[in-house]
Amino acid sequence: MRTETMTEDPVVAALARREPLTWLRTDLPPAAQALAEAGLREDLVAEAAARLQRFAPWFAETFPETRERGGIVESDLDDAPQIQSAVDAHTGVPLQGRLLLKRDDSLPVSGSIKARGGFHEVLEFAETVAERCGFDPADRGTYSSSGFRDAAGGFRVVVGSTGNLGLSIGILSAALGFSVTVHMSADARAWKKDLLRSRGVEVVEHDGPFDEAVAAGRASAAGDPRTHFVDDESSVSLFAGYATAAERLKAQLDEAGVRVDAAHPLIAYLPCGVGGGPGGVTYGLTRAFGDAVRCVFVEPVLSPAMALGVRSGLHSDICVQDIGLPGLTAADGLAVSRPSRFIGERLTACVAGFATVHDEVMQAGVSMLDDAEGIRVEPSAAAGLSVPWRVAAAVAAQRIAADWDSPDTTHLVWLTGGSMVPPAEMEHYLAQGRAQEGRFSAAGTLFLD
């Protein structure tokens, strides 16, 4: 699609008009074909899961909050009947399926969907450094030793972030003894910067958007053999770590008695920034459930980078400013102007849809979740909350197949970010949300292809 004719496309035109939309892709190839076309190593996710398991004793020792799960950094899967009833009443649209919440807002250590991927990449680098410096990388005692920490201090980890990836990379790298620099975009919350600095992390602030912070981080690491740059736009290691969530989720669903098969589809609503986190989770879910899962990426109307990149076919060669959008949003973790080419090109065939939501809807979702379920999150975590009801409305109007919302459908809203928010900041989010509750809506123009 040429840039000069982009807005002739109805989806791109709606994005440019800042209209909330739901774009469902009902003509995707079978899951097995989509996975093959991704061109990724078959053992990629299993290797990442094994690495996280090897480090579990170190996590249990270093971070007491992980001991309950034996050092595995994982979140709960919760039923959400109260918020389901509340949104039913608010929208006037009954959701037929079962609503579940994946509680990555309360992941231990760094409290967001970015934790698994960020931790995995830092641990992979730690093993490389251990071997390079003459330590046994397979010995869990290596990483608690003063000798390793002294050696690690001579190596640097660099990342560009809107906030949550920076937290996961910064906290873990510092705990291992690495020197860490996090380049953060203008929209990143001050408390996240302050928290990183309190852990001994160098934070470099940039006036521009996320992609400028990433570029600055990449440039600062270039040519230095003792510096590892974590590239949120194209890292396979991050991606593999994110994907490990799927098998764990599968076990949680089994334990909860939730069937996922052709007659009992699972629809996952994933908040999306640059695309790495939801892309990795989507890959893992597609491997775990095949054609029985449908993943929908949810973005702010002011920063729909991935939807724009995929719809235009230009991926990272286009940014939201090219269609007149600011790229700044109250959902700071999703404030990304330019999407990941790696995800757009490799995973497009696994993504069943895209949705965009107004900031006010996410903010209202924050207070509604607190009132209904006692769950406190930051705005980006509430991105997907209204979208199942858009799907339900489309089913009721016979615009899409009934199995998108039937009594046998499971709707999974993936939450991210919340448990680490300082109390005063959270009260601010809640006050904002209560002021916007009248704006909470499941409205959105539907596009099908």
Protein backbone atom coordinates (compact mmCIF):
# COMPACT_ATOMS: atom_id res chain seq x y z
CA MET A 1 0.00 0.00 0.00
CA ARG A 2 1.52 3.33 -1.06
CA THR A 3 1.64 5.99 1.63
CA GLU A 4 -0.12 8.54 -0.57
CA THR A 5 -3.17 6.26 -1.00
CA MET A 6 -3.27 4.74 2.49
CA THR A 7 -6.26 6.67 3.74
CA GLU A 8 -8.30 5.28 0.84
CA ASP A 9 -8.30 2.05 2.82
CA PRO A 10 -11.29 2.07 5.20
CA VAL A 11 -9.38 0.70 8.20
CA VAL A 12 -6.49 3.14 7.83
CA ALA A 13 -8.98 5.97 7.29
CA ALA A 14 -10.77 5.05 10.54
CA LEU A 15 -7.43 4.92 12.36
CA ALA A 16 -6.57 8.38 11.03
CA ARG A 17 -9.97 9.71 12.19
CA ARG A 18 -9.24 8.40 15.71
CA GLU A 19 -12.34 6.21 15.63
CA PRO A 20 -12.45 3.13 17.85
CA LEU A 21 -12.57 0.10 15.60
CA THR A 22 -12.53 -3.67 15.63
CA TRP A 23 -10.86 -5.27 12.62
CA LEU A 24 -11.44 -9.03 12.57
CA ARG A 25 -9.53 -11.21 10.13
CA THR A 26 -11.71 -14.21 9.40
CA ASP A 27 -9.77 -15.53 6.39
CA LEU A 28 -6.50 -16.53 8.04
CA PRO A 29 -4.61 -19.71 7.10
CA PRO A 30 -4.77 -22.74 9.41
CA ALA A 31 -2.67 -22.41 12.55
CA ALA A 32 -0.19 -25.09 11.46
CA GLN A 33 0.50 -23.16 8.26
CA ALA A 34 0.81 -19.83 10.09
CA LEU A 35 3.31 -21.31 12.53
CA ALA A 36 5.36 -22.84 9.72
CA GLU A 37 5.42 -19.50 7.89
CA ALA A 38 6.75 -17.79 11.03
CA GLY A 39 10.03 -19.61 10.36
CA LEU A 40 11.05 -19.98 14.01
CA ARG A 41 12.99 -22.84 15.59
CA GLU A 42 10.73 -25.61 16.85
CA ASP A 43 12.57 -25.79 20.19
CA LEU A 44 12.69 -22.00 20.75
CA VAL A 45 9.99 -21.83 23.43
CA ALA A 46 10.99 -25.08 25.15
CA GLU A 47 14.56 -23.78 25.41
CA ALA A 48 13.34 -20.55 27.01
CA ALA A 49 11.10 -22.45 29.44
CA ALA A 50 14.03 -24.67 30.44
CA ARG A 51 16.23 -21.62 31.09
CA LEU A 52 13.59 -20.00 33.30
CA GLN A 53 13.22 -23.30 35.16
CA ARG A 54 16.99 -23.58 35.69
CA PHE A 55 17.04 -20.14 37.29
CA ALA A 56 13.97 -20.78 39.46
CA PRO A 57 16.02 -21.65 42.59
CA TRP A 58 18.01 -18.43 42.16
CA PHE A 59 14.78 -16.43 41.85
CA ALA A 60 13.34 -18.09 44.97
CA GLU A 61 16.50 -17.17 46.86
CA THR A 62 16.83 -13.62 45.49
CA PHE A 63 13.17 -12.57 45.30
CA PRO A 64 11.13 -13.99 48.22
CA GLU A 65 7.87 -13.10 46.50
CA THR A 66 8.55 -15.89 43.96
CA ARG A 67 8.96 -18.69 46.54
CA GLU A 68 5.31 -19.69 46.53
CA ARG A 69 5.72 -20.88 42.93
CA GLY A 70 9.21 -22.28 43.46
CA GLY A 71 10.92 -19.34 41.80
CA ILE A 72 8.79 -19.39 38.64
CA VAL A 73 7.55 -15.91 37.74
CA GLU A 74 3.90 -16.49 36.87
CA SER A 75 0.51 -14.88 37.48
CA ASP A 76 -2.93 -16.15 38.46
CA LEU A 77 -5.86 -16.82 36.18
CA ASP A 78 -9.06 -15.39 37.68
CA ASP A 79 -12.75 -15.70 36.97
CA ALA A 80 -14.34 -12.26 36.79
CA PRO A 81 -18.09 -12.61 37.29
CA GLN A 82 -18.54 -9.23 38.97
CA ILE A 83 -16.92 -7.16 36.23
CA GLN A 84 -18.72 -9.27 33.62
CA SER A 85 -22.06 -8.40 35.22
CA ALA A 86 -21.06 -4.75 35.61
CA VAL A 87 -20.08 -4.36 31.95
CA ASP A 88 -23.17 -6.27 30.82
CA ALA A 89 -25.29 -3.74 32.69
CA HIS A 90 -23.26 -0.72 31.58
CA THR A 91 -23.25 -1.58 27.88
CA GLY A 92 -26.64 -3.29 27.65
CA VAL A 93 -24.91 -6.11 25.77
CA PRO A 94 -24.86 -9.49 27.56
CA LEU A 95 -21.64 -11.45 27.13
CA GLN A 96 -22.63 -15.09 26.57
CA GLY A 97 -19.21 -16.59 27.12
CA ARG A 98 -17.10 -16.87 30.25
CA LEU A 99 -14.78 -13.98 31.14
CA LEU A 100 -11.34 -14.69 32.60
CA LEU A 101 -8.54 -12.32 33.56
CA LYS A 102 -4.85 -13.19 33.18
CA ARG A 103 -3.32 -11.32 36.09
CA ASP A 104 0.04 -10.16 34.73
CA ASP A 105 -0.67 -6.92 36.59
CA SER A 106 0.45 -8.82 39.69
CA LEU A 107 3.43 -10.77 38.29
CA PRO A 108 6.13 -10.86 40.98
CA VAL A 109 9.33 -8.80 40.74
CA SER A 110 8.32 -6.40 37.96
CA GLY A 111 4.52 -6.63 37.64
CA SER A 112 3.75 -6.66 33.92
CA ILE A 113 3.53 -8.85 30.82
CA LYS A 114 7.08 -7.72 30.01
CA ALA A 115 8.53 -9.74 32.90
CA ARG A 116 8.85 -13.16 31.26
CA GLY A 117 10.53 -11.86 28.11
CA GLY A 118 12.74 -9.32 29.84
CA PHE A 119 13.88 -11.80 32.47
CA HIS A 120 14.59 -14.47 29.88
CA GLU A 121 16.86 -12.25 27.80
CA VAL A 122 18.81 -11.03 30.84
CA LEU A 123 19.26 -14.61 32.05
CA GLU A 124 20.47 -15.73 28.65
CA PHE A 125 23.03 -12.92 28.69
CA ALA A 126 24.03 -13.88 32.25
CA GLU A 127 24.80 -17.42 31.12
CA THR A 128 26.94 -16.06 28.28
CA VAL A 129 28.87 -13.81 30.65
CA ALA A 130 29.34 -16.63 33.18
CA GLU A 131 30.87 -18.89 30.54
CA ARG A 132 33.01 -16.09 29.12
CA CYS A 133 34.39 -15.30 32.59
CA GLY A 134 35.20 -18.90 33.52
CA PHE A 135 32.19 -19.70 35.73
CA ASP A 136 29.93 -22.72 35.37
CA PRO A 137 26.78 -21.29 33.75
CA ALA A 138 24.75 -24.37 34.77
CA ASP A 139 25.58 -24.00 38.48
CA ARG A 140 22.80 -22.07 40.16
CA GLY A 141 25.25 -20.92 42.82
CA THR A 142 27.26 -19.04 40.21
CA TYR A 143 24.83 -16.14 40.04
CA SER A 144 24.74 -15.56 43.80
CA SER A 145 28.50 -15.51 44.15
CA SER A 146 30.49 -12.35 44.77
CA GLY A 147 32.88 -13.43 42.04
CA PHE A 148 30.16 -13.43 39.40
CA ARG A 149 28.75 -10.12 40.60
CA ASP A 150 32.23 -8.56 40.41
CA ALA A 151 32.63 -9.88 36.86
CA ALA A 152 29.13 -8.82 35.84
CA GLY A 153 29.90 -5.26 36.90
CA GLY A 154 32.21 -5.03 33.90
CA PHE A 155 29.32 -5.70 31.50
CA ARG A 156 26.43 -3.44 30.61
CA VAL A 157 22.82 -4.05 29.63
CA VAL A 158 21.00 -1.34 27.64
CA VAL A 159 17.33 -1.08 26.67
CA GLY A 160 14.87 1.49 25.33
CA SER A 161 11.46 1.45 26.98
CA THR A 162 8.17 3.22 27.62
CA GLY A 163 8.41 1.88 31.17
CA ASN A 164 7.48 -1.72 31.89
CA LEU A 165 10.18 -3.46 29.84
CA GLY A 166 12.68 -1.09 31.42
CA LEU A 167 11.50 -2.22 34.85
CA SER A 168 11.96 -5.90 34.09
CA ILE A 169 15.36 -5.46 32.42
CA GLY A 170 16.61 -2.95 34.99
CA ILE A 171 15.52 -4.76 38.14
CA LEU A 172 16.87 -8.15 37.11
CA SER A 173 20.10 -6.90 35.54
CA ALA A 174 20.92 -4.88 38.65
CA ALA A 175 20.15 -7.89 40.87
CA LEU A 176 22.70 -9.93 38.92
CA GLY A 177 25.33 -7.20 39.21
CA PHE A 178 25.30 -5.81 35.69
CA SER A 179 25.63 -2.14 34.92
CA VAL A 180 22.28 -1.10 33.42
CA THR A 181 21.11 1.85 31.31
CA VAL A 182 17.45 2.31 30.44
CA HIS A 183 16.58 4.88 27.77
CA MET A 184 13.01 6.02 28.41
CA SER A 185 10.58 7.92 26.22
CA ALA A 186 8.90 11.17 27.21
CA ASP A 187 5.61 9.52 28.17
CA ALA A 188 7.16 7.08 30.68
CA ARG A 189 5.82 7.60 34.18
CA ALA A 190 8.09 9.38 36.66
CA TRP A 191 7.59 6.71 39.32
CA LYS A 192 9.00 4.05 37.00
CA LYS A 193 12.11 6.15 36.45
CA ASP A 194 12.43 6.76 40.18
CA LEU A 195 12.06 3.07 40.98
CA LEU A 196 14.79 2.14 38.53
CA ARG A 197 17.15 4.76 39.91
CA SER A 198 16.51 3.44 43.43
CA ARG A 199 17.82 0.05 42.22
CA GLY A 200 21.03 1.59 40.89
CA VAL A 201 19.91 1.76 37.26
CA GLU A 202 20.98 4.65 35.04
CA VAL A 203 17.92 6.22 33.41
CA VAL A 204 18.36 8.40 30.33
CA GLU A 205 15.28 10.47 29.50
CA HIS A 206 14.33 11.46 25.96
CA ASP A 207 11.89 14.14 24.80
CA GLY A 208 10.74 12.07 21.84
CA PRO A 209 8.67 8.88 21.45
CA PHE A 210 9.53 5.25 22.15
CA ASP A 211 11.32 4.53 18.86
CA GLU A 212 13.73 7.43 19.53
CA ALA A 213 14.57 5.99 22.94
CA VAL A 214 15.20 2.60 21.34
CA ALA A 215 17.41 4.14 18.65
CA ALA A 216 19.43 6.01 21.28
CA GLY A 217 19.91 2.86 23.30
CA ARG A 218 20.96 0.90 20.23
CA ALA A 219 23.47 3.57 19.24
CA SER A 220 24.96 3.70 22.74
CA ALA A 221 25.60 -0.05 22.69
CA ALA A 222 26.95 -0.31 19.14
CA GLY A 223 30.48 -1.64 18.83
CA ASP A 224 30.96 -2.42 22.53
CA PRO A 225 31.56 -6.17 23.01
CA ARG A 226 30.81 -5.91 26.73
CA THR A 227 27.40 -4.27 26.21
CA HIS A 228 24.21 -6.16 25.45
CA PHE A 229 21.37 -4.22 23.83
CA VAL A 230 17.85 -5.55 24.43
CA ASP A 231 15.92 -4.73 21.27
CA ASP A 232 12.19 -4.67 22.00
CA GLU A 233 11.49 -4.33 18.28
CA SER A 234 13.17 -7.52 17.08
CA SER A 235 14.61 -9.62 19.90
CA VAL A 236 14.01 -13.36 19.51
CA SER A 237 15.09 -13.92 23.11
CA LEU A 238 12.43 -11.54 24.45
CA PHE A 239 9.88 -13.14 22.16
CA ALA A 240 10.71 -16.66 23.38
CA GLY A 241 10.36 -15.58 27.00
CA TYR A 242 6.96 -14.03 26.35
CA ALA A 243 5.81 -17.21 24.59
CA THR A 244 6.43 -19.37 27.68
CA ALA A 245 3.23 -17.94 29.18
CA ALA A 246 1.13 -20.17 26.93
CA GLU A 247 1.92 -23.63 28.30
CA ARG A 248 1.55 -22.30 31.83
CA LEU A 249 -1.82 -20.81 30.90
CA LYS A 250 -2.85 -24.12 29.36
CA ALA A 251 -2.19 -25.84 32.68
CA GLN A 252 -4.18 -23.16 34.52
CA LEU A 253 -7.13 -23.57 32.15
CA ASP A 254 -7.02 -27.35 32.62
CA GLU A 255 -6.98 -26.90 36.39
CA ALA A 256 -9.99 -24.56 36.15
CA GLY A 257 -11.88 -27.06 34.01
CA VAL A 258 -11.92 -24.79 30.96
CA ARG A 259 -12.00 -26.69 27.68
CA VAL A 260 -10.33 -25.18 24.63
CA ASP A 261 -11.06 -26.94 21.35
CA ALA A 262 -12.93 -26.36 18.10
CA ALA A 263 -16.26 -26.35 19.92
CA HIS A 264 -14.95 -24.27 22.84
CA PRO A 265 -12.84 -21.42 21.40
CA LEU A 266 -10.54 -19.20 23.43
CA ILE A 267 -10.37 -15.51 22.50
CA ALA A 268 -7.44 -13.63 24.03
CA TYR A 269 -7.43 -9.82 24.15
CA LEU A 270 -3.85 -8.59 24.42
CA PRO A 271 -2.72 -4.99 25.07
CA CYS A 272 -0.27 -4.03 22.33
CA GLY A 273 2.51 -1.47 22.16
CA VAL A 274 5.44 -2.30 19.90
CA GLY A 275 4.03 -5.82 19.58
CA GLY A 276 6.71 -8.02 21.14
CA GLY A 277 4.79 -9.08 24.25
CA PRO A 278 1.45 -9.87 22.58
CA GLY A 279 3.30 -11.34 19.60
CA GLY A 280 5.21 -13.79 21.77
CA VAL A 281 2.09 -14.73 23.73
CA THR A 282 0.17 -15.21 20.48
CA TYR A 283 2.85 -17.50 19.11
CA GLY A 284 2.79 -19.57 22.29
CA LEU A 285 -1.01 -19.73 22.40
CA THR A 286 -1.19 -20.76 18.74
CA ARG A 287 1.31 -23.55 19.39
CA ALA A 288 -0.68 -24.67 22.43
CA PHE A 289 -4.24 -24.46 21.06
CA GLY A 290 -3.96 -24.32 17.26
CA ASP A 291 -7.10 -23.16 15.48
CA ALA A 292 -9.07 -23.10 18.75
CA VAL A 293 -7.49 -19.80 19.85
CA ARG A 294 -8.04 -16.33 18.40
CA CYS A 295 -5.79 -13.48 19.51
CA VAL A 296 -6.88 -9.85 19.27
CA PHE A 297 -4.32 -7.04 19.74
CA VAL A 298 -5.74 -3.96 21.47
CA GLU A 299 -4.18 -0.50 21.06
CA PRO A 300 -5.05 3.12 21.94
CA VAL A 301 -6.80 5.12 19.20
CA LEU A 302 -3.95 7.65 19.48
CA SER A 303 -1.22 5.08 18.95
CA PRO A 304 -2.39 2.09 16.85
CA ALA A 305 1.09 1.28 15.54
CA MET A 306 0.70 -2.45 14.98
CA ALA A 307 -2.73 -2.24 13.34
CA LEU A 308 -1.39 0.44 11.00
CA GLY A 309 1.78 -1.49 10.18
CA VAL A 310 -0.07 -4.71 9.42
CA ARG A 311 -2.95 -3.13 7.50
CA SER A 312 -0.63 -1.03 5.35
CA GLY A 313 1.86 -3.86 4.88
CA LEU A 314 4.63 -1.39 5.69
CA HIS A 315 5.30 -2.61 9.24
CA SER A 316 8.12 -0.55 10.78
CA ASP A 317 8.42 1.59 7.65
CA ILE A 318 5.37 3.55 8.81
CA CYS A 319 4.56 5.36 12.05
CA VAL A 320 1.30 6.73 13.41
CA GLN A 321 2.45 10.31 12.85
CA ASP A 322 2.34 9.53 9.11
CA ILE A 323 -1.47 9.49 9.35
CA GLY A 324 -1.70 12.48 11.69
CA LEU A 325 -1.78 10.75 15.08
CA PRO A 326 0.31 11.90 18.06
CA GLY A 327 1.47 8.53 19.38
CA LEU A 328 1.00 9.76 22.97
CA THR A 329 -1.63 8.24 25.21
CA ALA A 330 -2.64 7.87 28.86
CA ALA A 331 -1.72 4.20 28.46
CA ASP A 332 2.00 4.92 28.67
CA GLY A 333 3.07 1.30 28.15
CA LEU A 334 1.25 1.31 24.79
CA ALA A 335 2.54 4.68 23.57
CA VAL A 336 4.43 3.36 20.55
CA SER A 337 4.54 5.10 17.20
CA ARG A 338 6.30 2.48 15.10
CA PRO A 339 5.60 -1.28 15.34
CA SER A 340 7.91 -4.27 15.43
CA ARG A 341 8.72 -5.50 11.95
CA PHE A 342 9.65 -8.89 13.39
CA ILE A 343 6.15 -9.40 14.82
CA GLY A 344 4.35 -7.85 11.87
CA GLU A 345 6.12 -9.99 9.29
CA ARG A 346 6.45 -13.26 11.22
CA LEU A 347 3.20 -13.40 13.24
CA THR A 348 0.61 -11.60 11.11
CA ALA A 349 -1.08 -14.83 10.11
CA CYS A 350 -1.61 -15.78 13.77
CA VAL A 351 -3.41 -12.56 14.77
CA ALA A 352 -7.18 -12.84 14.42
CA GLY A 353 -7.91 -9.17 14.92
CA PHE A 354 -7.04 -5.68 16.07
CA ALA A 355 -9.04 -3.25 18.16
CA THR A 356 -8.48 0.36 19.16
CA VAL A 357 -9.91 2.06 22.25
CA HIS A 358 -10.13 5.61 23.55
CA ASP A 359 -7.99 6.64 26.51
CA GLU A 360 -11.15 7.47 28.43
CA VAL A 361 -12.42 3.90 28.02
CA MET A 362 -9.19 2.48 29.43
CA GLN A 363 -9.22 4.97 32.29
CA ALA A 364 -12.83 4.12 33.11
CA GLY A 365 -11.94 0.44 33.01
CA VAL A 366 -9.39 1.03 35.77
CA SER A 367 -12.01 2.21 38.27
CA MET A 368 -14.60 -0.35 37.11
CA LEU A 369 -12.18 -3.21 37.74
CA ASP A 370 -11.42 -1.83 41.18
CA ASP A 371 -15.07 -1.37 42.09
CA ALA A 372 -16.18 -4.77 40.76
CA GLU A 373 -13.25 -7.07 41.49
CA GLY A 374 -10.90 -5.14 43.77
CA ILE A 375 -8.23 -5.29 41.06
CA ARG A 376 -6.04 -2.20 40.69
CA VAL A 377 -4.24 -1.70 37.39
CA GLU A 378 -2.71 1.05 35.30
CA PRO A 379 -4.65 2.25 32.21
CA SER A 380 -2.76 0.13 29.67
CA ALA A 381 -3.84 -3.01 31.55
CA ALA A 382 -7.51 -2.18 30.96
CA ALA A 383 -7.09 -1.84 27.19
CA GLY A 384 -8.87 -5.08 26.34
CA LEU A 385 -11.66 -4.87 28.89
CA SER A 386 -14.39 -3.46 26.63
CA VAL A 387 -13.55 -5.45 23.49
CA PRO A 388 -15.33 -8.76 24.33
CA TRP A 389 -18.58 -6.79 24.41
CA ARG A 390 -17.86 -5.41 20.94
CA VAL A 391 -17.55 -9.01 19.81
CA ALA A 392 -20.79 -9.91 21.62
CA ALA A 393 -22.61 -7.05 19.92
CA ALA A 394 -21.34 -8.18 16.52
CA VAL A 395 -22.55 -11.73 17.20
CA ALA A 396 -25.95 -10.46 18.35
CA ALA A 397 -26.26 -8.44 15.14
CA GLN A 398 -25.25 -11.55 13.16
CA ARG A 399 -22.23 -9.74 11.77
CA ILE A 400 -19.80 -12.51 12.77
CA ALA A 401 -20.03 -16.24 13.51
CA ALA A 402 -21.82 -17.16 16.73
CA ASP A 403 -18.82 -19.02 18.12
CA TRP A 404 -17.06 -15.69 18.69
CA ASP A 405 -19.41 -15.35 21.69
CA SER A 406 -21.43 -18.36 22.77
CA PRO A 407 -21.89 -20.08 26.15
CA ASP A 408 -18.97 -22.29 25.09
CA THR A 409 -16.60 -19.40 24.34
CA THR A 410 -13.94 -18.27 26.81
CA HIS A 411 -12.94 -14.60 26.68
CA LEU A 412 -9.51 -13.97 28.22
CA VAL A 413 -8.57 -10.35 28.94
CA TRP A 414 -4.83 -10.08 29.56
CA LEU A 415 -4.00 -7.52 32.25
CA THR A 416 -0.58 -5.94 32.53
CA GLY A 417 0.83 -3.44 35.00
CA GLY A 418 -0.58 -2.39 38.34
CA SER A 419 0.93 -4.01 41.42
CA MET A 420 4.03 -1.80 41.44
CA VAL A 421 2.18 1.50 41.01
CA PRO A 422 2.73 3.74 44.07
CA PRO A 423 -0.43 4.29 46.16
CA ALA A 424 -0.69 8.02 45.38
CA GLU A 425 -0.34 7.32 41.65
CA MET A 426 -2.97 4.60 41.84
CA GLU A 427 -5.39 6.93 43.58
CA HIS A 428 -4.85 9.36 40.72
CA TYR A 429 -5.66 6.62 38.18
CA LEU A 430 -8.80 5.70 40.11
CA ALA A 431 -9.97 9.32 40.34
CA GLN A 432 -9.42 9.73 36.60
CA GLY A 433 -11.35 6.54 35.95
CA ARG A 434 -14.32 7.48 38.08
CA ALA A 435 -14.55 10.79 36.27
CA GLN A 436 -14.64 8.89 32.95
CA GLU A 437 -16.97 6.00 33.81
CA GLY A 438 -19.76 7.51 31.77
CA ARG A 439 -17.44 7.28 28.74
CA PHE A 440 -16.89 3.53 29.07
CA SER A 441 -18.26 2.00 25.90
CA ALA A 442 -18.11 -1.10 23.76
CA ALA A 443 -18.75 0.95 20.62
CA GLY A 444 -16.42 0.49 17.69
CA THR A 445 -16.75 0.28 13.92
CA LEU A 446 -16.47 -3.34 12.76
CA PHE A 447 -14.32 -4.29 9.76
CA LEU A 448 -14.20 -7.86 8.46
CA ASP A 449 -11.93 -9.49 5.93
